[in-house]
């Protein structure tokens, strides 16, 4: 969606309700103790589970692919825990702007690979970070902006525009530069940041624009964005997969080994191979922490095809 399309969109009543809800959440969260906010988030997760809406059903279907041959009861348990962690993400997102620098750093732990990211940033090449929708990526971003002096990222254009602006303001308050997905100069702006030796972080397990690279993901065809690999090839910045998850009351992170561009092949083949490697790292980490993967949308081609088949012709 272009900026003009976005602004010309007529706001629906449902979109207004969502916008008001997020505004209220950010306003109220600043005055609610963390313990009470967590209890509220868990209660909301329980309501979502009991209602069994389409998002919950899709999360369960996605986790079924991740978990494989488990009982229905086991799948239900992981899905319920996944909803609790999904609402924990939102609870923390609403409260993050009020967190002190000490709280951001003391509740974030890189269990492996910090030396890799430090080396990339100290070398002047910048670093291309790619993450799945796991744990709390905003917490990771807030920590990274403090350690490295900022980062650049891309945000999906949400509707209405006022809601999108809230998310931009939220992430900018954490020290991030936010570029709107779909803008004509996204790639050039991110490439420029990497060539300046800066940090770029992109969520990369969902193909929002429908122009992704086909990969094998948990043994089935899916598409994920080519942007991280393409930017790494274009600029020479290392492509570092990062996973985050919740454990022992804090956010933990693993900065994985860089994915190197394969030699002596065309750029499109480099991007394809690197994106498949990225998908493999994501799958391995999601399998270790399935309840921390907040994917409530259709992802696999088989699901997308079945959705189109079920949609009546215009």
Protein backbone atom coordinates (compact mmCIF):
# COMPACT_ATOMS: atom_id res chain seq x y z
CA UNK A 1 0.00 0.00 0.00
CA UNK A 2 1.42 3.36 -1.02
CA UNK A 3 1.33 6.40 1.23
CA UNK A 4 -1.41 7.98 -0.92
CA UNK A 5 -3.52 4.79 -0.85
CA UNK A 6 -3.04 4.64 2.89
CA UNK A 7 -4.19 8.20 3.47
CA UNK A 8 -7.16 7.96 1.11
CA UNK A 9 -8.53 4.89 2.88
CA UNK A 10 -11.89 5.46 4.58
CA UNK A 11 -11.61 4.55 8.25
CA UNK A 12 -14.12 1.94 9.37
CA UNK A 13 -15.84 1.82 12.74
CA UNK A 14 -13.89 -1.31 13.65
CA UNK A 15 -10.59 0.40 12.91
CA UNK A 16 -11.56 3.32 15.10
CA UNK A 17 -12.31 0.93 17.96
CA UNK A 18 -8.91 -0.73 17.58
CA UNK A 19 -7.16 2.65 17.51
CA UNK A 20 -8.97 3.82 20.65
CA UNK A 21 -8.16 0.53 22.36
CA UNK A 22 -4.43 0.82 21.69
CA UNK A 23 -4.43 4.45 22.78
CA UNK A 24 -6.11 3.48 26.03
CA UNK A 25 -3.69 0.61 26.55
CA UNK A 26 -0.62 2.82 26.21
CA UNK A 27 -2.15 5.48 28.46
CA UNK A 28 -3.31 3.10 31.20
CA UNK A 29 -0.21 0.88 31.24
CA UNK A 30 1.96 3.72 32.50
CA UNK A 31 -0.01 3.75 35.76
CA UNK A 32 -0.47 0.00 36.39
CA UNK A 33 2.13 -1.97 38.38
CA UNK A 34 3.87 -4.69 36.37
CA UNK A 35 2.39 -7.50 38.45
CA UNK A 36 -1.14 -6.27 38.02
CA UNK A 37 -0.57 -5.66 34.31
CA UNK A 38 0.69 -9.24 33.89
CA UNK A 39 -2.39 -10.62 35.64
CA UNK A 40 -4.59 -8.55 33.34
CA UNK A 41 -2.70 -9.84 30.31
CA UNK A 42 -3.11 -13.46 31.45
CA UNK A 43 -6.82 -12.88 32.01
CA UNK A 44 -7.16 -11.44 28.50
CA UNK A 45 -5.35 -14.49 27.12
CA UNK A 46 -7.86 -16.70 28.90
CA UNK A 47 -10.73 -14.81 27.31
CA UNK A 48 -9.15 -15.21 23.87
CA UNK A 49 -8.80 -18.96 24.40
CA UNK A 50 -12.40 -19.38 25.48
CA UNK A 51 -13.71 -17.40 22.51
CA UNK A 52 -11.69 -19.48 20.03
CA UNK A 53 -11.56 -16.77 17.39
CA UNK A 54 -9.91 -17.11 14.00
CA UNK A 55 -6.55 -15.87 15.28
CA UNK A 56 -6.47 -18.48 18.03
CA UNK A 57 -7.45 -21.21 15.57
CA UNK A 58 -4.67 -20.13 13.20
CA UNK A 59 -2.10 -20.03 16.00
CA UNK A 60 -3.08 -23.57 16.97
CA UNK A 61 -2.83 -24.71 13.35
CA UNK A 62 0.59 -23.09 12.98
CA UNK A 63 1.85 -24.67 16.19
CA UNK A 64 0.57 -28.07 15.03
CA UNK A 65 3.12 -27.88 12.21
CA UNK A 66 5.86 -26.88 14.64
CA UNK A 67 5.11 -29.56 17.25
CA UNK A 68 4.39 -32.44 14.90
CA UNK A 69 2.96 -35.63 16.35
CA UNK A 70 1.61 -34.50 19.72
CA UNK A 71 -1.74 -35.08 21.36
CA UNK A 72 -4.60 -32.60 21.04
CA UNK A 73 -4.22 -31.84 24.75
CA UNK A 74 -0.53 -31.06 24.36
CA UNK A 75 -1.24 -28.81 21.40
CA UNK A 76 -3.91 -27.00 23.41
CA UNK A 77 -1.48 -26.49 26.30
CA UNK A 78 1.18 -24.92 24.09
CA UNK A 79 -1.41 -22.76 22.32
CA UNK A 80 -2.79 -21.45 25.62
CA UNK A 81 0.72 -20.67 26.82
CA UNK A 82 1.39 -19.03 23.46
CA UNK A 83 -1.58 -16.72 24.00
CA UNK A 84 -0.31 -15.80 27.46
CA UNK A 85 3.08 -14.92 26.01
CA UNK A 86 1.51 -13.04 23.12
CA UNK A 87 -0.45 -10.88 25.60
CA UNK A 88 2.70 -10.53 27.69
CA UNK A 89 4.37 -9.03 24.63
CA UNK A 90 1.60 -6.42 24.40
CA UNK A 91 1.66 -5.75 28.14
CA UNK A 92 5.39 -5.07 27.93
CA UNK A 93 4.99 -3.04 24.73
CA UNK A 94 2.50 -0.76 26.45
CA UNK A 95 4.86 -0.29 29.41
CA UNK A 96 8.24 -0.17 27.61
CA UNK A 97 8.23 3.62 27.08
CA UNK A 98 8.17 4.10 30.85
CA UNK A 99 10.97 1.61 31.61
CA UNK A 100 14.25 2.98 32.89
CA UNK A 101 17.50 2.24 31.10
CA UNK A 102 18.50 0.03 34.03
CA UNK A 103 15.28 -1.98 33.79
CA UNK A 104 15.66 -2.46 30.01
CA UNK A 105 19.18 -3.83 30.39
CA UNK A 106 18.63 -5.86 33.59
CA UNK A 107 15.66 -7.73 32.10
CA UNK A 108 17.37 -8.53 28.78
CA UNK A 109 20.00 -11.27 28.52
CA UNK A 110 21.95 -12.28 25.41
CA UNK A 111 22.72 -15.92 26.17
CA UNK A 112 24.98 -16.39 23.13
CA UNK A 113 26.52 -14.37 20.33
CA UNK A 114 26.91 -10.87 21.73
CA UNK A 115 30.53 -10.92 20.55
CA UNK A 116 29.29 -11.43 16.97
CA UNK A 117 27.14 -8.32 16.99
CA UNK A 118 29.75 -6.25 18.82
CA UNK A 119 32.38 -7.27 16.27
CA UNK A 120 30.17 -6.28 13.34
CA UNK A 121 29.32 -2.91 14.84
CA UNK A 122 32.93 -2.21 15.84
CA UNK A 123 34.22 -3.11 12.36
CA UNK A 124 32.21 -0.35 10.70
CA UNK A 125 30.24 -2.67 8.41
CA UNK A 126 26.99 -2.29 10.31
CA UNK A 127 24.82 -5.33 10.92
CA UNK A 128 21.66 -6.70 9.33
CA UNK A 129 19.56 -8.33 12.07
CA UNK A 130 16.64 -10.58 11.08
CA UNK A 131 14.15 -11.84 13.66
CA UNK A 132 11.01 -13.95 13.72
CA UNK A 133 7.92 -12.79 15.63
CA UNK A 134 9.23 -14.37 18.85
CA UNK A 135 9.42 -13.20 22.44
CA UNK A 136 9.68 -9.42 22.66
CA UNK A 137 11.52 -7.92 19.69
CA UNK A 138 10.72 -4.39 20.87
CA UNK A 139 12.59 -5.07 24.12
CA UNK A 140 15.51 -6.31 22.02
CA UNK A 141 15.30 -3.15 19.94
CA UNK A 142 15.25 -0.88 22.98
CA UNK A 143 18.31 -2.68 24.38
CA UNK A 144 20.12 -2.42 21.03
CA UNK A 145 19.45 1.31 20.66
CA UNK A 146 21.05 1.88 24.04
CA UNK A 147 24.10 -0.26 23.24
CA UNK A 148 24.70 0.87 19.65
CA UNK A 149 23.21 4.35 19.50
CA UNK A 150 20.04 3.55 17.57
CA UNK A 151 18.72 1.28 14.85
CA UNK A 152 16.57 1.43 11.74
CA UNK A 153 13.55 -0.77 11.13
CA UNK A 154 10.45 -1.07 8.97
CA UNK A 155 6.83 -0.96 10.16
CA UNK A 156 3.75 -2.31 8.44
CA UNK A 157 1.28 0.41 7.53
CA UNK A 158 -1.65 -0.16 9.86
CA UNK A 159 -5.12 1.30 9.45
CA UNK A 160 -6.29 3.81 10.45
CA UNK A 161 -3.35 6.15 9.92
CA UNK A 162 -3.62 7.35 13.52
CA UNK A 163 -2.89 3.79 14.73
CA UNK A 164 0.13 3.53 12.45
CA UNK A 165 1.34 6.88 13.77
CA UNK A 166 1.00 5.61 17.34
CA UNK A 167 3.25 2.64 16.56
CA UNK A 168 5.80 4.87 14.83
CA UNK A 169 5.82 7.26 17.80
CA UNK A 170 6.13 4.33 20.21
CA UNK A 171 9.17 2.86 18.48
CA UNK A 172 10.73 6.26 17.92
CA UNK A 173 10.39 6.88 21.67
CA UNK A 174 12.61 3.81 22.15
CA UNK A 175 15.28 5.31 19.88
CA UNK A 176 14.43 3.59 16.59
CA UNK A 177 14.22 5.07 13.11
CA UNK A 178 10.99 3.72 11.59
CA UNK A 179 10.40 3.47 7.83
CA UNK A 180 6.97 2.56 6.47
CA UNK A 181 6.70 -0.74 4.61
CA UNK A 182 5.82 -0.16 0.97
CA UNK A 183 7.47 3.25 0.64
CA UNK A 184 9.44 3.54 -2.59
CA UNK A 185 12.83 4.23 -0.97
CA UNK A 186 12.82 1.61 1.81
CA UNK A 187 15.67 -0.46 0.40
CA UNK A 188 17.89 2.51 -0.43
CA UNK A 189 17.38 4.08 2.99
CA UNK A 190 18.20 0.86 4.82
CA UNK A 191 21.21 0.21 2.59
CA UNK A 192 22.45 3.71 3.34
CA UNK A 193 22.18 3.07 7.09
CA UNK A 194 24.18 -0.16 6.78
CA UNK A 195 26.87 1.55 4.69
CA UNK A 196 27.07 4.16 7.46
CA UNK A 197 27.95 1.31 9.84
CA UNK A 198 24.61 1.36 11.61
CA UNK A 199 22.23 -1.36 12.78
CA UNK A 200 19.18 -2.47 10.79
CA UNK A 201 16.64 -4.85 12.34
CA UNK A 202 13.79 -6.48 10.41
CA UNK A 203 11.09 -8.96 11.34
CA UNK A 204 11.44 -11.55 8.61
CA UNK A 205 9.12 -14.53 9.05
CA UNK A 206 5.99 -13.12 7.37
CA UNK A 207 5.63 -12.07 3.73
CA UNK A 208 3.46 -8.99 4.07
CA UNK A 209 3.92 -7.70 0.52
CA UNK A 210 3.42 -11.04 -1.25
CA UNK A 211 6.80 -10.80 -2.95
CA UNK A 212 8.72 -13.14 -0.70
CA UNK A 213 11.19 -15.93 -1.41
CA UNK A 214 9.80 -19.45 -1.34
CA UNK A 215 11.44 -21.58 1.33
CA UNK A 216 10.91 -24.91 3.00
CA UNK A 217 9.67 -24.18 6.52
CA UNK A 218 8.97 -27.10 8.84
CA UNK A 219 8.89 -29.27 5.72
CA UNK A 220 6.30 -27.23 3.80
CA UNK A 221 6.44 -24.42 1.27
CA UNK A 222 6.15 -20.89 2.64
CA UNK A 223 7.41 -17.45 1.64
CA UNK A 224 9.42 -15.05 3.77
CA UNK A 225 10.81 -11.60 2.94
CA UNK A 226 14.03 -11.44 0.87
CA UNK A 227 14.96 -8.04 2.31
CA UNK A 228 17.50 -9.08 4.97
CA UNK A 229 19.49 -11.28 2.60
CA UNK A 230 19.25 -8.77 -0.25
CA UNK A 231 20.50 -5.92 1.95
CA UNK A 232 23.38 -8.06 3.23
CA UNK A 233 24.44 -8.93 -0.33
CA UNK A 234 24.06 -5.32 -1.48
CA UNK A 235 26.06 -3.73 1.35
CA UNK A 236 28.37 -6.43 2.67
CA UNK A 237 26.90 -6.10 6.17
CA UNK A 238 26.70 -9.47 7.95
CA UNK A 239 23.27 -11.09 8.15
CA UNK A 240 22.74 -12.13 11.77
CA UNK A 241 19.61 -14.12 12.73
CA UNK A 242 18.38 -13.30 16.23
CA UNK A 243 15.76 -15.09 18.32
CA UNK A 244 14.17 -13.86 21.54
CA UNK A 245 12.02 -15.65 24.08
CA UNK A 246 10.75 -15.28 27.63
CA UNK A 247 12.33 -17.29 30.44
CA UNK A 248 12.68 -16.78 34.18
CA UNK A 249 10.78 -13.50 34.01
CA UNK A 250 13.07 -11.78 31.48
CA UNK A 251 13.67 -11.62 27.74
CA UNK A 252 16.52 -13.80 26.50
CA UNK A 253 18.18 -13.60 23.12
CA UNK A 254 20.46 -15.66 20.90
CA UNK A 255 22.52 -13.88 18.23
CA UNK A 256 23.32 -16.60 15.71
CA UNK A 257 26.35 -16.97 13.46
CA UNK A 258 26.25 -14.77 10.36
CA UNK A 259 24.77 -16.23 7.19
CA UNK A 260 27.40 -15.77 4.51
CA UNK A 261 26.65 -15.08 0.85
CA UNK A 262 27.47 -18.16 -1.26
CA UNK A 263 30.30 -17.57 -3.77
CA UNK A 264 30.15 -17.46 -7.55
CA UNK A 265 26.39 -17.36 -8.04
CA UNK A 266 23.97 -14.70 -9.26
CA UNK A 267 22.61 -12.22 -6.75
CA UNK A 268 19.11 -13.74 -6.92
CA UNK A 269 20.56 -17.16 -6.13
CA UNK A 270 22.52 -15.72 -3.22
CA UNK A 271 19.36 -14.19 -1.79
CA UNK A 272 17.43 -17.44 -2.27
CA UNK A 273 20.04 -19.57 -0.52
CA UNK A 274 20.61 -17.12 2.32
CA UNK A 275 16.87 -16.74 2.90
CA UNK A 276 16.49 -20.52 3.13
CA UNK A 277 19.28 -20.62 5.69
CA UNK A 278 17.53 -17.87 7.61
CA UNK A 279 14.29 -19.87 7.56
CA UNK A 280 16.19 -22.91 8.87
CA UNK A 281 17.53 -20.92 11.84
CA UNK A 282 14.07 -19.54 12.56
CA UNK A 283 12.54 -23.03 12.44
CA UNK A 284 15.17 -24.40 14.82
CA UNK A 285 14.56 -21.61 17.35
CA UNK A 286 10.77 -21.75 17.06
CA UNK A 287 10.92 -25.51 17.67
CA UNK A 288 12.88 -24.85 20.89
CA UNK A 289 10.46 -22.14 22.08
CA UNK A 290 7.13 -22.77 20.32
CA UNK A 291 4.99 -20.86 22.82
CA UNK A 292 7.06 -17.73 22.15
CA UNK A 293 6.23 -17.65 18.42
CA UNK A 294 3.41 -15.13 17.97
CA UNK A 295 2.19 -16.15 14.52
CA UNK A 296 -1.59 -15.85 14.36
CA UNK A 297 -1.79 -15.40 10.58
CA UNK A 298 -1.65 -17.80 7.64
CA UNK A 299 1.93 -18.41 6.61
CA UNK A 300 2.24 -21.62 4.61
CA UNK A 301 1.26 -21.73 0.95
CA UNK A 302 -1.20 -24.55 1.57
CA UNK A 303 -3.15 -22.36 4.01
CA UNK A 304 -3.08 -19.37 1.68
CA UNK A 305 -4.34 -21.46 -1.24
CA UNK A 306 -7.14 -22.94 0.87
CA UNK A 307 -8.18 -19.43 1.93
CA UNK A 308 -8.33 -18.22 -1.68
CA UNK A 309 -10.29 -21.33 -2.67
CA UNK A 310 -12.83 -20.64 0.06
CA UNK A 311 -13.36 -17.02 -1.03
CA UNK A 312 -16.36 -16.52 -3.34
CA UNK A 313 -15.74 -14.90 -6.72
CA UNK A 314 -16.57 -11.20 -6.96
